[in-house]
Amino acid sequence: MKIPLLPSLSGVAMTLALSVSPLALAAQTAPENAAALCAETAGVPNAGVPISPEAQDALEAALAEAMPYCEQALAEGSEDPVVLFHIGAIRQADGDHEEAVAAFEAAAAAGLAAANTKLGDYHLFGIGPLRRDADTAAEYFAAAAEGGDPAGQMTLGLLHRIGAGVPRDTGRMVELMRAAADGGYHFAQYRLGQTYLTGDGIPGGEDDSLGIPDRDEAARYLSMAAEQGNIEAVLDLARIYSELDGPGTGDADQQFRWTERAVEAGLPDAIAALGFLYERGRGVEADPEQAAALYVQALETGDVDMDDLRGRIGGYEPPWDRATAIAFQVILQERGLYLGAIDGQIGPMSRAAAAALDD
């Protein structure tokens, strides 16, 4: 695979070393330890998308902590590709894209696959000094994929999906996405799960030769992503195991497990969905009081209304369980919102009272 010529490693390292801040040099450590501390503090080079805002914050904090060590190692002439990658990430975060590109180019020249992914991103989106160039980006992503970088594999797969810089090839797309997913990249696991679930990215939504769609494969890859904390995957799993096709379908235990995980993430829709499981006794012992309390909690967020409060089975909302409806009315009455009879009939008065919960 041919990629654009890169400047000599020693020349780039020397140029970057001249830009090290005096403040960073003031925090000197033993010369032989600087590169090791840079790598240890900043972590394994990763060109992928952080799984959450919290993960992004943690990454930024690690780079900030590692910066003095990385810059000292660079000033001392280190050509360690891990140091160069982290210098590139630090410069990128600071908006110094010319030096970021130079650092990533040096790391890529030293054989670090993740640096090729970073350079692919720069060319694909036209960041900083570079113009958008899908062909050049694809060459960098291909080099990253050949080097085993999951983020590079995933992005190259997406380019094959749309035919940008490479031929449109859904078979190659799935192959690359699978390599990235099996390599542990949460975003690839999620997107591949979506492809197996809905045919996303496949013309016509199905391809027998690729075994798409396949709900079991979808669940397998979505579970990988969900276990890492991908909340979209958690929600998809809850739906996969639900009773979408009618009563008695799906997997009650798995539906409850993944719905509960979504609630732990604080998602209002999931709180309501968990209430529906407690109302019906699906995956858990039926508990009208708990179901009603969860319904109220979901409504209080202001992001769920009565029309979407309870789930559907086979496309239809089932009648309220009477004990749950009574418990729901009791809570509304205790809040001073409902003045009607406690009769288990969720009519206009009950609905009006529920609508006032987020006031």
Protein backbone atom coordinates (compact mmCIF):
# COMPACT_ATOMS: atom_id res chain seq x y z
CA MET A 1 0.00 0.00 0.00
CA LYS A 2 1.47 3.34 -1.03
CA ILE A 3 1.05 6.27 1.32
CA PRO A 4 2.35 9.80 0.91
CA LEU A 5 6.05 10.28 1.55
CA LEU A 6 6.82 11.34 5.11
CA PRO A 7 9.66 13.54 6.29
CA SER A 8 12.62 11.89 8.04
CA LEU A 9 11.89 10.87 11.60
CA SER A 10 14.91 12.59 13.13
CA GLY A 11 14.18 15.83 11.30
CA VAL A 12 10.59 15.97 12.50
CA ALA A 13 11.55 15.09 16.07
CA MET A 14 14.15 17.88 16.07
CA THR A 15 11.68 20.41 14.68
CA LEU A 16 9.03 19.48 17.25
CA ALA A 17 11.55 19.58 20.07
CA LEU A 18 12.16 23.25 19.37
CA SER A 19 8.51 23.96 20.19
CA VAL A 20 8.56 22.47 23.69
CA SER A 21 7.36 25.05 26.19
CA PRO A 22 9.67 26.35 28.94
CA LEU A 23 6.94 25.51 31.45
CA ALA A 24 7.04 21.86 30.44
CA LEU A 25 10.84 21.78 30.66
CA ALA A 26 10.63 23.16 34.19
CA ALA A 27 9.02 19.89 35.31
CA GLN A 28 12.05 17.75 34.52
CA THR A 29 12.38 14.13 35.50
CA ALA A 30 15.26 11.75 34.97
CA PRO A 31 16.01 11.66 31.21
CA GLU A 32 15.75 7.88 30.99
CA ASN A 33 12.29 7.98 32.59
CA ALA A 34 10.59 10.74 30.60
CA ALA A 35 9.53 8.61 27.61
CA ALA A 36 8.36 5.78 29.87
CA LEU A 37 6.35 8.15 32.04
CA CYS A 38 4.84 9.76 28.93
CA ALA A 39 3.66 6.37 27.67
CA GLU A 40 2.51 5.16 31.09
CA THR A 41 0.57 8.31 31.94
CA ALA A 42 -1.06 8.94 28.56
CA GLY A 43 -1.80 5.25 27.93
CA VAL A 44 -1.82 3.14 24.81
CA PRO A 45 -2.12 5.25 21.63
CA ASN A 46 -5.75 5.17 20.57
CA ALA A 47 -7.20 6.90 17.52
CA GLY A 48 -10.74 5.72 18.18
CA VAL A 49 -13.84 7.59 19.34
CA PRO A 50 -14.16 7.68 23.16
CA ILE A 51 -17.14 5.67 24.34
CA SER A 52 -18.63 8.48 26.43
CA PRO A 53 -18.14 12.10 27.47
CA GLU A 54 -16.62 10.79 30.69
CA ALA A 55 -14.11 8.75 28.70
CA GLN A 56 -13.26 11.85 26.65
CA ASP A 57 -12.68 13.83 29.84
CA ALA A 58 -10.46 11.07 31.21
CA LEU A 59 -8.42 11.03 28.00
CA GLU A 60 -7.92 14.79 28.12
CA ALA A 61 -6.90 14.63 31.77
CA ALA A 62 -4.38 11.87 31.06
CA LEU A 63 -2.83 13.88 28.22
CA ALA A 64 -2.59 16.96 30.41
CA GLU A 65 -0.85 14.97 33.13
CA ALA A 66 1.49 13.30 30.64
CA MET A 67 2.38 16.49 28.76
CA PRO A 68 5.48 17.47 30.80
CA TYR A 69 6.96 13.99 30.44
CA CYS A 70 6.15 13.74 26.73
CA GLU A 71 7.57 17.16 25.95
CA GLN A 72 10.71 16.49 27.98
CA ALA A 73 11.24 13.21 26.12
CA LEU A 74 10.80 15.04 22.83
CA ALA A 75 13.24 17.79 23.86
CA GLU A 76 15.78 15.10 24.67
CA GLY A 77 15.47 13.79 21.12
CA SER A 78 13.17 10.82 21.70
CA GLU A 79 11.99 9.16 18.51
CA ASP A 80 9.72 6.73 20.34
CA PRO A 81 6.55 6.55 18.20
CA VAL A 82 4.36 6.41 21.32
CA VAL A 83 5.84 9.68 22.55
CA LEU A 84 5.40 11.23 19.11
CA PHE A 85 1.76 10.07 18.94
CA HIS A 86 0.97 11.62 22.31
CA ILE A 87 2.75 14.83 21.32
CA GLY A 88 0.51 14.86 18.24
CA ALA A 89 -2.58 14.38 20.41
CA ILE A 90 -1.47 17.17 22.76
CA ARG A 91 -0.84 19.54 19.86
CA GLN A 92 -4.17 18.59 18.28
CA ALA A 93 -6.01 19.35 21.52
CA ASP A 94 -4.27 22.73 21.63
CA GLY A 95 -5.34 23.49 18.04
CA ASP A 96 -1.74 23.45 16.75
CA HIS A 97 -2.58 21.24 13.79
CA GLU A 98 0.59 21.76 11.79
CA GLU A 99 2.72 20.36 14.60
CA ALA A 100 0.14 17.68 15.33
CA VAL A 101 0.34 16.46 11.74
CA ALA A 102 4.14 16.51 11.87
CA ALA A 103 4.12 14.44 15.05
CA PHE A 104 1.64 11.92 13.69
CA GLU A 105 3.65 11.65 10.47
CA ALA A 106 6.77 10.89 12.48
CA ALA A 107 4.94 8.28 14.56
CA ALA A 108 3.50 6.71 11.41
CA ALA A 109 6.93 6.60 9.80
CA ALA A 110 8.11 4.70 12.86
CA GLY A 111 5.39 2.12 12.29
CA LEU A 112 2.62 3.13 14.71
CA ALA A 113 -0.65 2.16 13.03
CA ALA A 114 -2.84 4.44 15.16
CA ALA A 115 -0.90 7.44 13.85
CA ASN A 116 -1.96 6.54 10.31
CA THR A 117 -5.56 6.62 11.48
CA LYS A 118 -5.06 10.11 12.89
CA LEU A 119 -3.56 11.27 9.60
CA GLY A 120 -6.45 9.68 7.74
CA ASP A 121 -8.85 11.72 9.87
CA TYR A 122 -6.94 14.90 9.09
CA HIS A 123 -7.15 14.28 5.35
CA LEU A 124 -10.71 12.98 5.39
CA PHE A 125 -12.14 16.01 7.18
CA GLY A 126 -9.71 18.65 5.97
CA ILE A 127 -8.49 19.67 9.44
CA GLY A 128 -6.00 22.48 9.99
CA PRO A 129 -3.52 22.90 7.16
CA LEU A 130 -4.89 20.02 5.09
CA ARG A 131 -7.67 20.08 2.56
CA ARG A 132 -10.26 17.33 2.33
CA ASP A 133 -8.88 14.47 0.27
CA ALA A 134 -10.71 11.14 0.49
CA ASP A 135 -8.16 9.35 -1.70
CA THR A 136 -5.21 10.28 0.52
CA ALA A 137 -7.28 9.59 3.64
CA ALA A 138 -8.13 6.12 2.35
CA GLU A 139 -4.42 5.38 1.82
CA TYR A 140 -3.67 6.26 5.43
CA PHE A 141 -6.63 4.26 6.73
CA ALA A 142 -5.51 1.29 4.64
CA ALA A 143 -2.03 1.52 6.14
CA ALA A 144 -3.60 1.70 9.62
CA ALA A 145 -5.83 -1.29 8.87
CA GLU A 146 -2.88 -3.32 7.63
CA GLY A 147 -1.11 -2.46 10.86
CA GLY A 148 -4.07 -3.80 12.87
CA ASP A 149 -5.48 -0.52 14.22
CA PRO A 150 -9.20 -1.10 14.95
CA ALA A 151 -10.20 2.54 14.44
CA GLY A 152 -8.45 2.58 11.07
CA GLN A 153 -10.14 -0.67 10.08
CA MET A 154 -13.53 0.69 11.04
CA THR A 155 -13.14 3.95 9.14
CA LEU A 156 -11.83 2.19 6.05
CA GLY A 157 -14.90 -0.05 6.25
CA LEU A 158 -17.15 3.00 6.32
CA LEU A 159 -15.34 4.41 3.27
CA HIS A 160 -16.05 1.15 1.44
CA ARG A 161 -19.69 1.57 2.41
CA ILE A 162 -20.00 4.88 0.57
CA GLY A 163 -17.24 4.44 -2.01
CA ALA A 164 -15.11 7.37 -0.84
CA GLY A 165 -11.46 6.97 -1.85
CA VAL A 166 -12.02 3.24 -2.33
CA PRO A 167 -14.53 1.16 -4.34
CA ARG A 168 -17.95 0.67 -2.81
CA ASP A 169 -17.85 -2.87 -1.43
CA THR A 170 -20.22 -3.95 1.34
CA GLY A 171 -18.48 -7.30 1.70
CA ARG A 172 -15.18 -5.56 2.43
CA MET A 173 -17.04 -3.15 4.70
CA VAL A 174 -18.36 -5.99 6.86
CA GLU A 175 -14.97 -7.72 6.85
CA LEU A 176 -13.21 -4.61 8.14
CA MET A 177 -15.92 -3.78 10.65
CA ARG A 178 -15.72 -7.33 12.00
CA ALA A 179 -11.93 -7.10 12.36
CA ALA A 180 -12.30 -3.83 14.28
CA ALA A 181 -15.13 -5.21 16.43
CA ASP A 182 -13.22 -8.39 17.25
CA GLY A 183 -10.26 -6.14 18.06
CA GLY A 184 -12.31 -4.59 20.85
CA TYR A 185 -13.41 -1.30 19.31
CA HIS A 186 -16.78 -0.43 20.84
CA PHE A 187 -17.89 1.78 17.94
CA ALA A 188 -17.27 -1.03 15.44
CA GLN A 189 -19.11 -3.49 17.67
CA TYR A 190 -22.10 -1.19 17.80
CA ARG A 191 -22.17 -0.39 14.08
CA LEU A 192 -21.66 -4.03 13.09
CA GLY A 193 -24.45 -5.02 15.46
CA GLN A 194 -26.68 -2.47 13.74
CA THR A 195 -25.74 -3.89 10.35
CA TYR A 196 -26.67 -7.41 11.43
CA LEU A 197 -29.85 -6.17 13.10
CA THR A 198 -31.28 -3.84 10.47
CA GLY A 199 -29.14 -4.31 7.38
CA ASP A 200 -27.67 -0.84 7.92
CA GLY A 201 -25.32 -0.06 5.03
CA ILE A 202 -26.45 -3.05 2.96
CA PRO A 203 -28.35 -2.30 -0.26
CA GLY A 204 -31.91 -3.51 0.26
CA GLY A 205 -31.15 -4.21 3.92
CA GLU A 206 -30.22 -7.85 3.39
CA ASP A 207 -27.50 -9.99 1.84
CA ASP A 208 -27.68 -13.77 2.09
CA SER A 209 -24.02 -14.19 1.18
CA LEU A 210 -23.05 -12.05 4.18
CA GLY A 211 -25.65 -13.62 6.48
CA ILE A 212 -27.42 -10.28 6.98
CA PRO A 213 -29.74 -9.75 8.78
CA ASP A 214 -28.98 -12.02 11.72
CA ARG A 215 -30.49 -11.12 15.09
CA ASP A 216 -28.21 -13.49 17.02
CA GLU A 217 -25.06 -11.98 15.52
CA ALA A 218 -26.50 -8.53 16.15
CA ALA A 219 -27.04 -9.36 19.80
CA ARG A 220 -23.52 -10.79 20.10
CA TYR A 221 -21.80 -7.67 18.83
CA LEU A 222 -24.16 -5.27 20.59
CA SER A 223 -23.47 -7.13 23.83
CA MET A 224 -19.74 -6.55 23.33
CA ALA A 225 -20.34 -2.83 22.94
CA ALA A 226 -22.83 -2.67 25.79
CA GLU A 227 -20.46 -4.39 28.20
CA GLN A 228 -17.96 -1.61 27.48
CA GLY A 229 -20.58 1.03 28.26
CA ASN A 230 -22.06 1.91 24.87
CA ILE A 231 -25.53 3.04 25.93
CA GLU A 232 -27.02 2.92 22.41
CA ALA A 233 -26.10 -0.76 22.29
CA VAL A 234 -27.76 -1.31 25.67
CA LEU A 235 -31.01 0.15 24.35
CA ASP A 236 -30.87 -1.93 21.18
CA LEU A 237 -30.39 -5.10 23.23
CA ALA A 238 -33.41 -4.29 25.37
CA ARG A 239 -35.46 -3.95 22.18
CA ILE A 240 -34.07 -7.13 20.62
CA TYR A 241 -35.18 -9.19 23.61
CA SER A 242 -38.56 -7.49 23.95
CA GLU A 243 -41.99 -8.73 22.87
CA LEU A 244 -42.05 -6.75 19.62
CA ASP A 245 -43.53 -9.70 17.76
CA GLY A 246 -46.25 -10.40 20.30
CA PRO A 247 -46.77 -11.93 23.77
CA GLY A 248 -44.39 -14.72 24.71
CA THR A 249 -41.65 -13.68 22.28
CA GLY A 250 -38.18 -12.40 23.05
CA ASP A 251 -36.15 -13.20 26.16
CA ALA A 252 -37.60 -11.78 29.37
CA ASP A 253 -34.47 -12.18 31.49
CA GLN A 254 -32.24 -10.50 28.92
CA GLN A 255 -34.74 -7.73 28.31
CA PHE A 256 -34.89 -6.97 32.04
CA ARG A 257 -31.09 -7.09 32.36
CA TRP A 258 -30.42 -4.60 29.59
CA THR A 259 -33.31 -2.33 30.50
CA GLU A 260 -31.99 -2.13 34.04
CA ARG A 261 -28.54 -1.26 32.68
CA ALA A 262 -30.08 1.60 30.69
CA VAL A 263 -31.81 2.85 33.83
CA GLU A 264 -28.47 2.87 35.63
CA ALA A 265 -27.29 5.26 32.92
CA GLY A 266 -30.20 7.56 33.80
CA LEU A 267 -32.19 7.32 30.57
CA PRO A 268 -35.81 8.46 31.09
CA ASP A 269 -37.28 6.14 28.45
CA ALA A 270 -35.54 3.21 30.09
CA ILE A 271 -37.03 4.12 33.49
CA ALA A 272 -40.51 3.90 31.95
CA ALA A 273 -39.61 0.67 30.17
CA LEU A 274 -38.45 -0.87 33.45
CA GLY A 275 -41.75 0.13 35.01
CA PHE A 276 -43.53 -1.73 32.21
CA LEU A 277 -41.52 -4.87 32.99
CA TYR A 278 -42.43 -4.64 36.69
CA GLU A 279 -46.09 -4.09 35.75
CA ARG A 280 -46.15 -7.21 33.59
CA GLY A 281 -43.81 -9.33 35.72
CA ARG A 282 -41.50 -9.86 32.77
CA GLY A 283 -38.00 -10.93 33.76
CA VAL A 284 -38.83 -10.03 37.36
CA GLU A 285 -41.62 -10.70 39.86
CA ALA A 286 -44.57 -8.40 39.19
CA ASP A 287 -44.60 -5.43 41.56
CA PRO A 288 -47.41 -2.89 40.98
CA GLU A 289 -46.03 -0.36 43.48
CA GLN A 290 -42.55 -0.46 41.95
CA ALA A 291 -44.01 -0.19 38.43
CA ALA A 292 -46.08 2.84 39.42
CA ALA A 293 -43.12 4.50 41.16
CA LEU A 294 -40.97 4.04 38.05
CA TYR A 295 -43.69 5.48 35.83
CA VAL A 296 -43.88 8.55 38.05
CA GLN A 297 -40.09 8.87 38.08
CA ALA A 298 -40.00 8.75 34.28
CA LEU A 299 -42.75 11.36 33.94
CA GLU A 300 -41.01 13.65 36.41
CA THR A 301 -38.00 13.94 34.09
CA GLY A 302 -40.14 15.84 31.60
CA ASP A 303 -38.71 13.72 28.78
CA VAL A 304 -41.49 11.11 28.84
CA ASP A 305 -45.21 11.77 28.44
CA MET A 306 -48.25 9.59 29.05
CA ASP A 307 -48.60 8.60 25.42
CA ASP A 308 -45.15 6.98 25.49
CA LEU A 309 -45.09 5.86 29.11
CA ARG A 310 -45.92 2.19 28.67
CA GLY A 311 -44.55 -0.27 26.17
CA ARG A 312 -46.22 -1.99 23.28
CA ILE A 313 -46.57 -5.65 22.45
CA GLY A 314 -47.00 -6.60 18.83
CA GLY A 315 -47.50 -2.93 18.06
CA TYR A 316 -50.28 -2.35 20.60
CA GLU A 317 -50.33 -0.95 24.13
CA PRO A 318 -51.97 -3.50 26.45
CA PRO A 319 -54.55 -2.48 29.07
CA TRP A 320 -53.21 -1.29 32.41
CA ASP A 321 -52.81 -3.89 35.14
CA ARG A 322 -55.44 -2.78 37.64
CA ALA A 323 -53.19 -3.02 40.72
CA THR A 324 -50.53 -0.92 38.96
CA ALA A 325 -53.11 1.64 37.88
CA ILE A 326 -54.38 1.93 41.46
CA ALA A 327 -50.83 2.36 42.79
CA PHE A 328 -50.24 5.02 40.13
CA GLN A 329 -53.38 6.93 41.13
CA VAL A 330 -52.44 6.72 44.81
CA ILE A 331 -49.07 8.37 44.13
CA LEU A 332 -50.76 11.11 42.09
CA GLN A 333 -53.26 11.64 44.91
CA GLU A 334 -50.47 11.83 47.51
CA ARG A 335 -48.77 14.49 45.41
CA GLY A 336 -52.01 16.52 45.49
CA LEU A 337 -52.45 16.19 41.74
CA TYR A 338 -55.36 13.75 41.51
CA LEU A 339 -58.73 14.29 43.16
CA GLY A 340 -60.70 11.51 41.46
CA ALA A 341 -61.66 8.02 42.57
CA ILE A 342 -58.96 5.38 43.17
CA ASP A 343 -60.57 2.96 40.76
CA GLY A 344 -57.74 1.67 38.58
CA GLN A 345 -59.14 3.42 35.51
CA ILE A 346 -56.52 5.63 33.87
CA GLY A 347 -58.80 8.17 32.25
CA PRO A 348 -58.65 11.91 31.50
CA MET A 349 -58.37 12.96 35.17
CA SER A 350 -55.50 10.57 35.85
CA ARG A 351 -53.75 11.60 32.65
CA ALA A 352 -54.13 15.30 33.46
CA ALA A 353 -52.67 14.73 36.90
CA ALA A 354 -49.76 12.76 35.44
CA ALA A 355 -49.05 15.58 32.98
CA ALA A 356 -48.46 17.91 35.93
CA LEU A 357 -45.68 15.76 37.39
CA ASP A 358 -42.89 17.63 35.62
CA ASP A 359 -44.17 21.10 36.60
